[in-house]
Protein backbone atom coordinates (compact mmCIF):
# COMPACT_ATOMS: atom_id res chain seq x y z
CA MET A 1 188.12 -0.71 88.29
CA GLU A 2 187.63 -1.11 91.74
CA LEU A 3 189.26 1.50 93.67
CA GLN A 4 190.86 1.09 97.03
CA GLY A 5 193.57 3.49 97.12
CA GLU A 6 196.32 1.69 95.12
CA GLN A 7 198.34 3.11 92.47
CA ILE A 8 196.21 3.61 89.08
CA SER A 9 198.54 2.87 86.03
CA LEU A 10 198.62 4.81 82.86
CA ARG A 11 196.70 2.40 81.00
CA GLY A 12 193.96 1.79 84.02
CA LEU A 13 193.60 5.85 83.89
CA ALA A 14 193.15 5.81 80.02
CA ALA A 15 190.67 2.91 80.56
CA VAL A 16 188.48 5.33 82.30
CA ALA A 17 189.36 8.66 81.39
CA LEU A 18 189.31 7.60 77.49
CA GLY A 19 187.10 4.49 77.50
CA ALA A 20 184.05 3.58 79.53
CA GLU A 21 185.49 1.39 82.15
CA ALA A 22 183.25 1.13 84.88
CA VAL A 23 184.32 2.04 88.63
CA HIS A 24 183.29 1.30 91.92
CA LEU A 25 184.42 1.41 95.56
CA SER A 26 186.29 -1.46 96.75
CA SER A 27 184.70 -3.56 99.70
CA LEU A 28 188.21 -3.50 101.25
CA ALA A 29 188.11 0.35 101.03
CA ARG A 30 184.79 0.41 102.94
CA PRO A 31 185.97 -0.47 106.74
CA ARG A 32 188.76 2.24 106.38
CA ILE A 33 186.45 4.97 105.12
CA LEU A 34 183.71 3.83 107.87
CA ALA A 35 186.76 3.95 110.64
CA SER A 36 188.19 7.24 109.30
CA ARG A 37 184.56 8.84 109.47
CA LYS A 38 183.97 7.42 112.96
CA LEU A 39 186.80 9.32 114.22
CA ILE A 40 185.47 12.44 112.82
CA GLU A 41 182.24 11.99 114.32
CA GLN A 42 183.77 11.33 117.47
CA ILE A 43 186.05 14.73 117.17
CA LEU A 44 182.56 16.41 116.60
CA GLY A 45 181.40 14.64 120.10
CA ARG A 46 184.48 15.93 122.07
CA ASP A 47 183.90 19.42 120.34
CA ALA A 48 187.48 19.19 119.94
CA VAL A 49 189.69 21.89 118.24
CA VAL A 50 190.71 20.33 115.15
CA TYR A 51 191.83 22.42 111.88
CA GLY A 52 188.88 22.47 109.11
CA VAL A 53 186.58 20.39 110.96
CA THR A 54 185.50 22.87 114.00
CA THR A 55 187.48 25.95 113.04
CA GLY A 56 187.94 27.95 110.29
CA PHE A 57 190.37 27.94 107.40
CA GLY A 58 193.80 29.78 106.76
CA LYS A 59 193.86 32.82 109.03
CA LEU A 60 190.36 32.11 110.38
CA SER A 61 191.96 28.59 112.06
CA ASP A 62 191.60 29.97 115.27
CA VAL A 63 187.93 30.91 115.18
CA ARG A 64 185.71 28.03 116.37
CA ILE A 65 182.67 27.11 114.35
CA PRO A 66 179.76 26.31 116.28
CA ARG A 67 178.35 22.69 116.05
CA GLY A 68 175.23 23.97 113.89
CA GLU A 69 177.05 25.78 111.32
CA LEU A 70 179.81 22.94 110.17
CA ARG A 71 177.43 22.04 107.24
CA GLN A 72 177.72 25.64 106.07
CA LEU A 73 181.60 25.93 106.62
CA GLN A 74 182.08 23.15 104.54
CA LEU A 75 179.62 24.19 101.57
CA ASN A 76 181.19 27.91 101.80
CA LEU A 77 184.38 26.25 101.55
CA VAL A 78 183.39 24.95 98.07
CA ARG A 79 181.36 27.66 97.09
CA SER A 80 184.21 30.28 97.48
CA HIS A 81 187.06 28.26 96.09
CA ALA A 82 184.93 27.22 92.78
CA CYS A 83 187.05 30.73 91.17
CA GLY A 84 188.75 28.94 88.14
CA ILE A 85 188.81 30.94 84.57
CA GLY A 86 189.29 29.65 81.29
CA ASN A 87 188.14 27.26 78.85
CA PRO A 88 186.72 23.93 80.46
CA LEU A 89 189.52 20.88 81.00
CA SER A 90 188.52 18.14 78.02
CA GLU A 91 186.29 15.13 79.08
CA ALA A 92 189.07 13.04 79.36
CA GLU A 93 191.17 14.96 81.76
CA VAL A 94 187.69 15.37 84.01
CA ARG A 95 187.47 12.09 83.92
CA ALA A 96 190.95 11.08 84.75
CA MET A 97 190.75 14.17 87.86
CA MET A 98 187.52 12.29 89.01
CA VAL A 99 188.75 8.58 89.29
CA LEU A 100 192.19 9.91 90.59
CA ARG A 101 190.27 11.86 93.41
CA ALA A 102 187.93 9.10 93.99
CA ASN A 103 190.70 6.46 94.35
CA VAL A 104 192.38 8.97 97.14
CA LEU A 105 189.34 9.28 99.18
CA ALA A 106 189.15 5.55 99.10
CA LEU A 107 192.27 5.06 100.82
CA GLY A 108 190.19 6.12 104.11
CA LEU A 109 192.23 8.57 105.42
CA SER A 110 189.99 11.61 104.74
CA GLY A 111 187.30 11.37 106.99
CA ILE A 112 184.69 11.39 103.97
CA ARG A 113 181.66 8.99 104.14
CA CYS A 114 181.34 6.47 101.23
CA GLU A 115 178.77 8.02 99.98
CA VAL A 116 181.03 10.70 98.57
CA VAL A 117 183.11 8.12 96.72
CA GLU A 118 180.10 6.11 95.56
CA LEU A 119 178.65 9.46 93.98
CA LEU A 120 181.74 10.28 92.34
CA CYS A 121 181.97 6.42 90.70
CA GLU A 122 178.26 7.01 89.89
CA MET A 123 178.78 10.15 87.71
CA LEU A 124 181.55 8.64 85.97
CA ASN A 125 179.57 5.56 84.96
CA ARG A 126 176.81 7.84 83.88
CA ARG A 127 179.30 10.00 82.35
CA VAL A 128 178.13 13.12 84.39
CA HIS A 129 181.21 15.64 84.12
CA PRO A 130 181.77 18.60 85.92
CA VAL A 131 182.54 21.86 83.91
CA VAL A 132 186.37 22.53 85.45
CA PRO A 133 187.96 25.49 83.88
CA GLU A 134 191.63 25.01 83.22
CA LYS A 135 193.32 27.64 85.19
CA GLY A 136 193.14 28.24 89.03
CA SER A 137 195.39 25.58 90.53
CA VAL A 138 197.67 27.24 92.75
CA GLY A 139 200.24 24.27 92.31
CA ALA A 140 201.99 22.68 95.49
CA SER A 141 199.42 23.60 97.91
CA GLY A 142 196.82 21.86 95.56
CA ASP A 143 194.45 22.01 92.83
CA LEU A 144 192.05 23.80 94.99
CA ALA A 145 189.97 25.76 92.34
CA PRO A 146 189.34 22.93 89.79
CA LEU A 147 188.80 20.14 92.92
CA ALA A 148 186.13 22.90 94.06
CA HIS A 149 184.40 22.72 90.58
CA LEU A 150 184.33 19.05 90.97
CA ALA A 151 183.08 19.00 94.53
CA LEU A 152 180.34 21.90 93.23
CA THR A 153 178.61 19.38 91.07
CA LEU A 154 178.34 16.95 93.95
CA ILE A 155 176.14 19.18 95.76
CA GLY A 156 174.08 19.62 93.02
CA GLU A 157 175.23 23.51 92.17
CA GLY A 158 177.86 24.48 89.12
CA GLU A 159 177.42 23.03 85.56
CA VAL A 160 178.33 19.67 84.05
CA PHE A 161 178.25 18.10 80.50
CA LEU A 162 175.61 15.35 80.00
CA GLN A 163 175.85 13.64 76.15
CA ALA A 164 177.98 16.75 75.27
CA GLN A 165 175.29 19.10 76.20
CA ARG A 166 176.19 21.74 78.93
CA MET A 167 173.81 22.04 81.97
CA PRO A 168 172.94 22.90 85.71
CA SER A 169 174.14 19.83 87.48
CA ALA A 170 171.00 19.70 89.43
CA GLU A 171 169.47 18.74 85.91
CA ALA A 172 171.77 16.45 84.64
CA PHE A 173 171.45 14.53 88.19
CA ARG A 174 167.67 14.43 87.71
CA ARG A 175 167.95 13.01 83.89
CA VAL A 176 170.58 10.60 85.46
CA GLU A 177 168.42 9.57 88.76
CA LEU A 178 171.25 10.82 90.90
CA THR A 179 170.85 12.67 94.30
CA PRO A 180 173.37 15.24 95.24
CA LEU A 181 175.06 15.13 98.72
CA GLN A 182 175.08 17.47 101.68
CA LEU A 183 178.16 17.97 102.76
CA GLU A 184 178.89 16.80 106.28
CA ALA A 185 181.71 17.89 108.59
CA LYS A 186 185.44 17.58 106.95
CA GLU A 187 184.05 16.53 103.43
CA GLY A 188 184.53 19.93 101.51
CA LEU A 189 187.77 20.36 102.88
CA ALA A 190 188.42 16.51 101.63
CA LEU A 191 187.39 17.36 98.49
CA LEU A 192 189.57 20.36 97.97
CA ASN A 193 192.96 19.32 99.38
CA GLY A 194 194.59 17.43 96.41
CA THR A 195 196.44 17.72 93.22
CA GLN A 196 194.56 15.44 91.06
CA ALA A 197 193.82 17.84 88.19
CA MET A 198 197.34 18.10 87.77
CA HIS A 199 198.02 14.50 87.86
CA ALA A 200 195.13 13.91 85.50
CA VAL A 201 196.37 16.60 83.04
CA GLY A 202 199.84 15.56 83.07
CA GLY A 203 199.06 11.79 82.97
CA LEU A 204 197.40 11.91 80.27
CA ALA A 205 200.09 13.89 78.26
CA LEU A 206 202.41 11.59 79.01
CA LEU A 207 200.56 8.61 78.02
CA ARG A 208 200.29 10.67 74.83
CA ALA A 209 203.78 11.46 74.48
CA GLN A 210 204.59 7.44 75.48
CA ARG A 211 202.38 6.84 72.22
CA LEU A 212 204.05 9.16 70.01
CA ALA A 213 207.36 7.86 70.85
CA ARG A 214 206.20 4.73 69.36
CA VAL A 215 204.43 6.05 66.31
CA ALA A 216 208.17 7.90 65.77
CA ASP A 217 209.55 4.42 65.80
CA VAL A 218 206.93 3.60 63.04
CA ALA A 219 208.12 6.71 61.20
CA GLY A 220 211.56 5.99 61.24
CA ALA A 221 211.09 2.58 60.22
CA MET A 222 209.13 3.48 57.29
CA SER A 223 211.91 6.03 56.26
CA LEU A 224 214.31 3.40 56.17
CA GLU A 225 212.30 1.17 54.13
CA ALA A 226 211.62 3.90 51.69
CA LEU A 227 215.24 4.78 51.51
CA LYS A 228 216.26 1.24 51.35
CA GLY A 229 218.37 1.50 54.30
CA THR A 230 219.92 -1.07 56.78
CA PRO A 231 218.89 -1.90 60.34
CA ALA A 232 222.18 -2.64 60.92
CA ALA A 233 222.78 0.03 63.30
CA PHE A 234 220.00 -1.23 65.44
CA ASP A 235 221.98 -4.57 66.47
CA LEU A 236 221.31 -5.32 69.81
CA ARG A 237 224.87 -6.10 70.29
CA LEU A 238 225.65 -2.83 69.50
CA GLN A 239 222.95 -1.40 71.93
CA GLU A 240 224.83 -3.16 74.79
CA ALA A 241 227.89 -1.25 74.06
CA ARG A 242 226.26 1.51 75.91
CA PRO A 243 223.73 1.89 79.44
CA HIS A 244 221.07 3.62 77.95
CA PRO A 245 217.62 1.37 78.45
CA GLY A 246 215.84 4.03 76.12
CA GLN A 247 217.93 3.33 73.44
CA LYS A 248 217.52 -0.06 74.02
CA ALA A 249 214.20 -0.43 73.90
CA ALA A 250 213.86 1.97 70.66
CA ALA A 251 216.26 -0.33 68.76
CA LYS A 252 214.34 -3.49 69.76
CA HIS A 253 211.25 -2.10 68.63
CA LEU A 254 212.57 -1.07 65.24
CA LEU A 255 214.11 -4.23 64.50
CA SER A 256 210.74 -6.01 65.02
CA LEU A 257 208.93 -3.35 62.79
CA LEU A 258 211.98 -4.33 60.44
CA GLU A 259 211.67 -7.83 60.82
CA ASP A 260 211.39 -9.82 57.59
CA SER A 261 211.70 -7.05 55.38
CA GLU A 262 211.29 -7.53 51.65
CA ILE A 263 212.83 -4.10 50.89
CA ARG A 264 215.62 -4.73 53.30
CA GLN A 265 216.09 -8.24 51.38
CA SER A 266 215.93 -6.96 47.86
CA HIS A 267 218.98 -4.88 47.96
CA LEU A 268 221.20 -7.27 50.13
CA GLU A 269 223.07 -8.13 47.14
CA GLY A 270 225.20 -5.64 44.92
CA ASP A 271 224.68 -2.36 47.58
CA PRO A 272 227.67 -0.42 46.96
CA ARG A 273 226.97 1.67 50.05
CA VAL A 274 228.85 1.03 53.03
CA GLN A 275 226.75 2.77 55.78
CA ASP A 276 223.33 4.77 55.78
CA ALA A 277 223.17 8.39 56.14
CA TYR A 278 223.22 9.92 59.90
CA SER A 279 219.74 10.46 60.05
CA LEU A 280 218.97 6.76 59.36
CA ARG A 281 221.55 5.12 61.56
CA CYS A 282 220.90 7.00 64.90
CA ILE A 283 217.39 6.80 65.08
CA SER A 284 217.13 4.36 68.05
CA TRP A 285 219.67 7.12 69.54
CA ARG A 286 217.19 9.86 69.18
CA ALA A 287 214.23 7.74 69.91
CA GLY A 288 216.36 6.26 73.18
CA THR A 289 216.57 10.00 74.51
CA LEU A 290 212.80 10.76 74.11
CA ARG A 291 212.19 7.31 76.17
CA ARG A 292 214.53 8.20 78.66
CA CYS A 293 213.00 11.50 79.00
CA LEU A 294 209.46 9.92 79.45
CA ALA A 295 210.73 7.48 82.08
CA ASP A 296 212.09 10.20 83.96
């Protein structure tokens, strides 16, 4: 997968999070990142007052930070926010979080260096996964704590999983021959300000729900077959009578599953039933409602 800040589909996210698709920074993104970083360097050269670059954070935004302490400022920010609690997020959720964050940074609007995105990509490719506690996000203001745990590993602190073994990130980097970063001005802030933890968890949950919706269709089709029901209620002409795209999609899928059914053909002649039970006739309606919820 080539990262340049464009939208990532659920299928693409799954290819990285649940699979082993390699990721790398697009050559198209590099000029944007370099231009953005150059702007930060110009701000530093002018000794301008810019929040989070040459000042403190939050209530300390009116405190000027000396040039020689800017690296320490970013380091302190990451360390202070790495305070999540609870069980670690799953490997898939962390991988999703990493690729989503790297993709956002690839937009070139955060003032970071290319090396930051490249290290995230290399960690994914070499399957070095930060230990990110599942509790700690503050929601609308961002996933500050989860992303801080992610950022902490980039500088060789915190813990990671490597080959299912939990260890200090510095040790894992040594084993896979990666070099931790030294954060420059603005980079700690850029790594923390985002919502990629909730997007990762929510995106993978949505993907599982979409797959379960199709599994539910299969279960419905099998039930219809076992009970020797009729797919007449799924006729697409009936679905067109109502403006519900989820219902139409479910009916179409059910008909494809039941196409050329030998069980269906075996009881077409001499079947005294006028119609099936409600639970069978309404499979596409119920499945359609689920699809509509997932689409919204």
